[in-house]
Amino acid sequence: MPEANVTLTTPNAAKYAAQLLKHWSHRNPDIAAGPQWTSMTFGGTTYIVESRADALVARITAADDAALNAAKGAFQEHIDRFAFREAPALAWNWR
């Protein structure tokens, strides 16, 4: 399964992770969570989001490259929307 990772430097990581979970919860994902991380699975795509004091860390796995690219786009679009006040400062360096 293809995988992509990104670390975004932001003091608002917990806020953005909570917004993402709340926003996507209407899609009924399979959810697992800990104190500083959340895992959401929709079909064959899994998002693991970790909030640190100074960064939001995400790992996305998908069934194939097309699904991975779509998932990366959806994640990035939502975080950019939530972080509109700091969006120019967010560096999207997917690995």
C-alpha atoms as a PDB file:
ATOM      1  CA  MET A   1       0.000   0.000   0.000  1.00  0.00           C
ATOM      2  CA  PRO A   2       1.410   3.409  -0.906  1.00  0.00           C
ATOM      3  CA  GLU A   3       2.029   5.824   1.945  1.00  0.00           C
ATOM      4  CA  ALA A   4       2.687   9.557   2.323  1.00  0.00           C
ATOM      5  CA  ASN A   5       3.844  11.543   5.346  1.00  0.00           C
ATOM      6  CA  VAL A   6       3.907  15.237   6.126  1.00  0.00           C
ATOM      7  CA  THR A   7       4.884  17.352   9.139  1.00  0.00           C
ATOM      8  CA  LEU A   8       3.426  20.852   9.361  1.00  0.00           C
ATOM      9  CA  THR A   9       4.962  23.285  11.822  1.00  0.00           C
ATOM     10  CA  THR A  10       2.094  25.001  13.643  1.00  0.00           C
ATOM     11  CA  PRO A  11       1.210  25.838  17.233  1.00  0.00           C
ATOM     12  CA  ASN A  12      -2.418  24.927  16.400  1.00  0.00           C
ATOM     13  CA  ALA A  13      -1.966  21.223  15.658  1.00  0.00           C
ATOM     14  CA  ALA A  14      -4.480  19.974  18.236  1.00  0.00           C
ATOM     15  CA  LYS A  15      -7.090  22.447  17.000  1.00  0.00           C
ATOM     16  CA  TYR A  16      -6.702  21.400  13.360  1.00  0.00           C
ATOM     17  CA  ALA A  17      -6.742  17.686  14.203  1.00  0.00           C
ATOM     18  CA  ALA A  18      -9.965  18.141  16.190  1.00  0.00           C
ATOM     19  CA  GLN A  19     -11.549  20.169  13.372  1.00  0.00           C
ATOM     20  CA  LEU A  20     -10.645  17.504  10.829  1.00  0.00           C
ATOM     21  CA  LEU A  21     -12.119  14.717  12.959  1.00  0.00           C
ATOM     22  CA  LYS A  22     -15.317  16.681  13.579  1.00  0.00           C
ATOM     23  CA  HIS A  23     -15.642  17.650   9.919  1.00  0.00           C
ATOM     24  CA  TRP A  24     -15.102  14.125   8.589  1.00  0.00           C
ATOM     25  CA  SER A  25     -17.122  12.331  11.280  1.00  0.00           C
ATOM     26  CA  HIS A  26     -20.305  12.654   9.176  1.00  0.00           C
ATOM     27  CA  ARG A  27     -18.710  10.227   6.701  1.00  0.00           C
ATOM     28  CA  ASN A  28     -18.729   7.530   9.414  1.00  0.00           C
ATOM     29  CA  PRO A  29     -15.051   6.573   9.366  1.00  0.00           C
ATOM     30  CA  ASP A  30     -13.621   3.828  11.538  1.00  0.00           C
ATOM     31  CA  ILE A  31     -11.964   5.862  14.298  1.00  0.00           C
ATOM     32  CA  ALA A  32      -9.284   5.032  16.845  1.00  0.00           C
ATOM     33  CA  ALA A  33      -7.807   7.706  19.078  1.00  0.00           C
ATOM     34  CA  GLY A  34      -5.293   8.351  21.787  1.00  0.00           C
ATOM     35  CA  PRO A  35      -4.455  11.482  23.758  1.00  0.00           C
ATOM     36  CA  GLN A  36      -2.532  13.111  20.888  1.00  0.00           C
ATOM     37  CA  TRP A  37      -3.398  11.071  17.800  1.00  0.00           C
ATOM     38  CA  THR A  38      -6.390  10.006  15.765  1.00  0.00           C
ATOM     39  CA  SER A  39      -6.732   7.332  13.105  1.00  0.00           C
ATOM     40  CA  MET A  40      -9.590   7.594  10.597  1.00  0.00           C
ATOM     41  CA  THR A  41     -10.241   4.950   7.952  1.00  0.00           C
ATOM     42  CA  PHE A  42     -12.574   5.452   5.002  1.00  0.00           C
ATOM     43  CA  GLY A  43     -12.743   2.333   2.848  1.00  0.00           C
ATOM     44  CA  GLY A  44      -9.154   1.543   1.899  1.00  0.00           C
ATOM     45  CA  THR A  45      -7.634   4.873   2.989  1.00  0.00           C
ATOM     46  CA  THR A  46      -6.303   5.542   6.485  1.00  0.00           C
ATOM     47  CA  TYR A  47      -5.306   8.916   7.920  1.00  0.00           C
ATOM     48  CA  ILE A  48      -3.233   8.913  11.106  1.00  0.00           C
ATOM     49  CA  VAL A  49      -2.981  12.425  12.502  1.00  0.00           C
ATOM     50  CA  GLU A  50      -0.759  13.284  15.461  1.00  0.00           C
ATOM     51  CA  SER A  51      -0.833  16.644  17.198  1.00  0.00           C
ATOM     52  CA  ARG A  52       2.378  17.767  18.843  1.00  0.00           C
ATOM     53  CA  ALA A  53       3.031  21.033  20.666  1.00  0.00           C
ATOM     54  CA  ASP A  54       4.637  22.557  17.583  1.00  0.00           C
ATOM     55  CA  ALA A  55       3.532  20.377  14.655  1.00  0.00           C
ATOM     56  CA  LEU A  56       0.765  18.418  12.990  1.00  0.00           C
ATOM     57  CA  VAL A  57       2.062  15.092  11.683  1.00  0.00           C
ATOM     58  CA  ALA A  58       0.048  13.017   9.225  1.00  0.00           C
ATOM     59  CA  ARG A  59       0.533   9.618   7.640  1.00  0.00           C
ATOM     60  CA  ILE A  60      -1.834   8.508   4.904  1.00  0.00           C
ATOM     61  CA  THR A  61      -1.998   5.003   3.453  1.00  0.00           C
ATOM     62  CA  ALA A  62      -4.211   4.053   0.531  1.00  0.00           C
ATOM     63  CA  ALA A  63      -4.972   1.120  -1.740  1.00  0.00           C
ATOM     64  CA  ASP A  64      -3.167   2.594  -4.757  1.00  0.00           C
ATOM     65  CA  ASP A  65      -1.381   5.713  -5.999  1.00  0.00           C
ATOM     66  CA  ALA A  66      -4.546   7.336  -7.361  1.00  0.00           C
ATOM     67  CA  ALA A  67      -6.334   6.932  -4.029  1.00  0.00           C
ATOM     68  CA  LEU A  68      -3.265   8.224  -2.184  1.00  0.00           C
ATOM     69  CA  ASN A  69      -3.080  11.349  -4.343  1.00  0.00           C
ATOM     70  CA  ALA A  70      -6.795  12.007  -3.806  1.00  0.00           C
ATOM     71  CA  ALA A  71      -6.400  11.528  -0.044  1.00  0.00           C
ATOM     72  CA  LYS A  72      -3.406  13.873   0.118  1.00  0.00           C
ATOM     73  CA  GLY A  73      -5.381  16.489  -1.798  1.00  0.00           C
ATOM     74  CA  ALA A  74      -8.398  16.179   0.500  1.00  0.00           C
ATOM     75  CA  PHE A  75      -6.259  16.382   3.631  1.00  0.00           C
ATOM     76  CA  GLN A  76      -4.287  19.373   2.370  1.00  0.00           C
ATOM     77  CA  GLU A  77      -7.418  21.216   1.206  1.00  0.00           C
ATOM     78  CA  HIS A  78      -9.113  20.818   4.583  1.00  0.00           C
ATOM     79  CA  ILE A  79      -6.096  21.787   6.678  1.00  0.00           C
ATOM     80  CA  ASP A  80      -5.442  24.819   4.456  1.00  0.00           C
ATOM     81  CA  ARG A  81      -9.063  25.855   4.969  1.00  0.00           C
ATOM     82  CA  PHE A  82      -8.861  25.409   8.754  1.00  0.00           C
ATOM     83  CA  ALA A  83      -5.490  27.206   8.887  1.00  0.00           C
ATOM     84  CA  PHE A  84      -6.377  30.056   6.552  1.00  0.00           C
ATOM     85  CA  ARG A  85      -4.779  32.594   8.893  1.00  0.00           C
ATOM     86  CA  GLU A  86      -1.415  30.855   8.623  1.00  0.00           C
ATOM     87  CA  ALA A  87      -1.758  28.952   5.331  1.00  0.00           C
ATOM     88  CA  PRO A  88       1.060  30.792   3.535  1.00  0.00           C
ATOM     89  CA  ALA A  89       3.368  29.644   6.347  1.00  0.00           C
ATOM     90  CA  LEU A  90       2.415  25.945   6.104  1.00  0.00           C
ATOM     91  CA  ALA A  91       5.059  23.991   4.193  1.00  0.00           C
ATOM     92  CA  TRP A  92       3.591  20.967   2.393  1.00  0.00           C
ATOM     93  CA  ASN A  93       6.566  18.636   1.898  1.00  0.00           C
ATOM     94  CA  TRP A  94       5.047  15.214   1.382  1.00  0.00           C
ATOM     95  CA  ARG A  95       7.375  12.218   1.708  1.00  0.00           C
END
